[in-house]
């Protein structure tokens, strides 16, 4: 899944992938994989990108922060209370 917001942010600054990679201290190929969604940045790198582009990491990486999984609730089954033992 391409990270369109990340790509837009880079292009808005007029930077190439290689220029962004250099600023972040990563290889251009690794940065390209992050944009394409085939690799994920660790938290320090995601925060560095947040600072570089002045855009919250939540917006740059919605696929990492917003799961597309349905929320499920466990049934209202209360576990049996443990009995106290007086000694």
C-alpha atoms as a PDB file:
ATOM      1  CA  UNK A   1       0.000   0.000   0.000  1.00  0.00           C
ATOM      2  CA  UNK A   2       1.608   3.223  -1.130  1.00  0.00           C
ATOM      3  CA  UNK A   3       1.914   5.936   1.470  1.00  0.00           C
ATOM      4  CA  UNK A   4       0.515   8.774  -0.601  1.00  0.00           C
ATOM      5  CA  UNK A   5       0.715  11.392   2.148  1.00  0.00           C
ATOM      6  CA  UNK A   6       4.441  10.711   2.588  1.00  0.00           C
ATOM      7  CA  UNK A   7       5.023  10.949  -1.157  1.00  0.00           C
ATOM      8  CA  UNK A   8       3.029  14.200  -1.352  1.00  0.00           C
ATOM      9  CA  UNK A   9       5.004  15.690   1.542  1.00  0.00           C
ATOM     10  CA  UNK A  10       8.312  14.895  -0.159  1.00  0.00           C
ATOM     11  CA  UNK A  11       7.189  16.306  -3.499  1.00  0.00           C
ATOM     12  CA  UNK A  12       5.805  19.440  -1.822  1.00  0.00           C
ATOM     13  CA  UNK A  13       9.339  20.215  -0.646  1.00  0.00           C
ATOM     14  CA  UNK A  14      10.725  19.419  -4.100  1.00  0.00           C
ATOM     15  CA  UNK A  15      12.977  16.680  -2.747  1.00  0.00           C
ATOM     16  CA  UNK A  16      13.962  13.413  -4.366  1.00  0.00           C
ATOM     17  CA  UNK A  17      13.869  10.148  -2.465  1.00  0.00           C
ATOM     18  CA  UNK A  18      17.668  10.264  -2.345  1.00  0.00           C
ATOM     19  CA  UNK A  19      17.640  13.744  -0.783  1.00  0.00           C
ATOM     20  CA  UNK A  20      15.162  12.707   1.897  1.00  0.00           C
ATOM     21  CA  UNK A  21      17.113   9.517   2.571  1.00  0.00           C
ATOM     22  CA  UNK A  22      20.302  11.535   3.035  1.00  0.00           C
ATOM     23  CA  UNK A  23      18.589  13.894   5.493  1.00  0.00           C
ATOM     24  CA  UNK A  24      17.286  10.909   7.451  1.00  0.00           C
ATOM     25  CA  UNK A  25      20.492   8.878   7.341  1.00  0.00           C
ATOM     26  CA  UNK A  26      19.032   5.898   5.497  1.00  0.00           C
ATOM     27  CA  UNK A  27      19.662   4.465   2.049  1.00  0.00           C
ATOM     28  CA  UNK A  28      17.574   5.728  -0.854  1.00  0.00           C
ATOM     29  CA  UNK A  29      16.325   2.197  -1.543  1.00  0.00           C
ATOM     30  CA  UNK A  30      15.136   1.761   2.044  1.00  0.00           C
ATOM     31  CA  UNK A  31      13.363   5.110   1.971  1.00  0.00           C
ATOM     32  CA  UNK A  32      11.722   4.129  -1.327  1.00  0.00           C
ATOM     33  CA  UNK A  33      10.468   0.904   0.236  1.00  0.00           C
ATOM     34  CA  UNK A  34       8.972   2.919   3.100  1.00  0.00           C
ATOM     35  CA  UNK A  35       7.094   5.109   0.604  1.00  0.00           C
ATOM     36  CA  UNK A  36       5.849   2.010  -1.231  1.00  0.00           C
ATOM     37  CA  UNK A  37       4.693   0.443   2.034  1.00  0.00           C
ATOM     38  CA  UNK A  38       6.864  -2.649   1.756  1.00  0.00           C
ATOM     39  CA  UNK A  39       8.958  -1.583   4.786  1.00  0.00           C
ATOM     40  CA  UNK A  40       7.999   0.194   7.987  1.00  0.00           C
ATOM     41  CA  UNK A  41      10.109   2.731   9.815  1.00  0.00           C
ATOM     42  CA  UNK A  42      10.958   2.196  13.443  1.00  0.00           C
ATOM     43  CA  UNK A  43       9.656   4.811  15.832  1.00  0.00           C
ATOM     44  CA  UNK A  44      12.808   7.025  15.871  1.00  0.00           C
ATOM     45  CA  UNK A  45      12.796   7.189  12.067  1.00  0.00           C
ATOM     46  CA  UNK A  46       9.040   7.850  11.916  1.00  0.00           C
ATOM     47  CA  UNK A  47       9.522  10.723  14.378  1.00  0.00           C
ATOM     48  CA  UNK A  48      12.435  12.062  12.323  1.00  0.00           C
ATOM     49  CA  UNK A  49      10.155  12.072   9.259  1.00  0.00           C
ATOM     50  CA  UNK A  50       7.477  13.809  11.294  1.00  0.00           C
ATOM     51  CA  UNK A  51       9.977  16.553  12.164  1.00  0.00           C
ATOM     52  CA  UNK A  52      11.404  16.753   8.637  1.00  0.00           C
ATOM     53  CA  UNK A  53       8.023  17.178   6.952  1.00  0.00           C
ATOM     54  CA  UNK A  54       6.284  18.913   9.886  1.00  0.00           C
ATOM     55  CA  UNK A  55       3.405  16.453   9.565  1.00  0.00           C
ATOM     56  CA  UNK A  56       2.299  14.121  12.371  1.00  0.00           C
ATOM     57  CA  UNK A  57       3.438  10.518  11.983  1.00  0.00           C
ATOM     58  CA  UNK A  58      -0.227   9.526  12.312  1.00  0.00           C
ATOM     59  CA  UNK A  59      -0.871  11.234   8.980  1.00  0.00           C
ATOM     60  CA  UNK A  60       2.304  10.026   7.273  1.00  0.00           C
ATOM     61  CA  UNK A  61       1.717   6.401   8.303  1.00  0.00           C
ATOM     62  CA  UNK A  62      -2.018   5.819   8.747  1.00  0.00           C
ATOM     63  CA  UNK A  63      -1.530   2.141   7.936  1.00  0.00           C
ATOM     64  CA  UNK A  64       0.616   1.748  11.049  1.00  0.00           C
ATOM     65  CA  UNK A  65      -1.582   3.680  13.447  1.00  0.00           C
ATOM     66  CA  UNK A  66      -5.110   2.887  12.297  1.00  0.00           C
ATOM     67  CA  UNK A  67      -5.879  -0.807  12.041  1.00  0.00           C
ATOM     68  CA  UNK A  68      -8.567  -1.775   9.572  1.00  0.00           C
ATOM     69  CA  UNK A  69      -9.651  -4.645  11.770  1.00  0.00           C
ATOM     70  CA  UNK A  70     -13.110  -4.773  13.276  1.00  0.00           C
ATOM     71  CA  UNK A  71     -13.321  -4.276  16.990  1.00  0.00           C
ATOM     72  CA  UNK A  72     -14.559  -7.299  18.830  1.00  0.00           C
ATOM     73  CA  UNK A  73     -15.839  -7.576  22.326  1.00  0.00           C
ATOM     74  CA  UNK A  74     -15.738 -10.582  24.523  1.00  0.00           C
ATOM     75  CA  UNK A  75     -19.071 -11.786  25.760  1.00  0.00           C
ATOM     76  CA  UNK A  76     -20.328 -10.598  29.105  1.00  0.00           C
ATOM     77  CA  UNK A  77     -19.090 -13.741  30.738  1.00  0.00           C
ATOM     78  CA  UNK A  78     -17.709 -12.908  34.143  1.00  0.00           C
ATOM     79  CA  UNK A  79     -15.036 -15.287  35.316  1.00  0.00           C
ATOM     80  CA  UNK A  80     -15.951 -17.277  38.378  1.00  0.00           C
ATOM     81  CA  UNK A  81     -14.823 -15.341  41.437  1.00  0.00           C
ATOM     82  CA  UNK A  82     -11.924 -16.810  43.331  1.00  0.00           C
ATOM     83  CA  UNK A  83     -12.880 -17.982  46.781  1.00  0.00           C
ATOM     84  CA  UNK A  84     -10.996 -16.453  49.667  1.00  0.00           C
ATOM     85  CA  UNK A  85      -9.346 -18.877  51.986  1.00  0.00           C
ATOM     86  CA  UNK A  86      -8.951 -17.822  55.582  1.00  0.00           C
ATOM     87  CA  UNK A  87      -6.060 -19.400  57.350  1.00  0.00           C
END
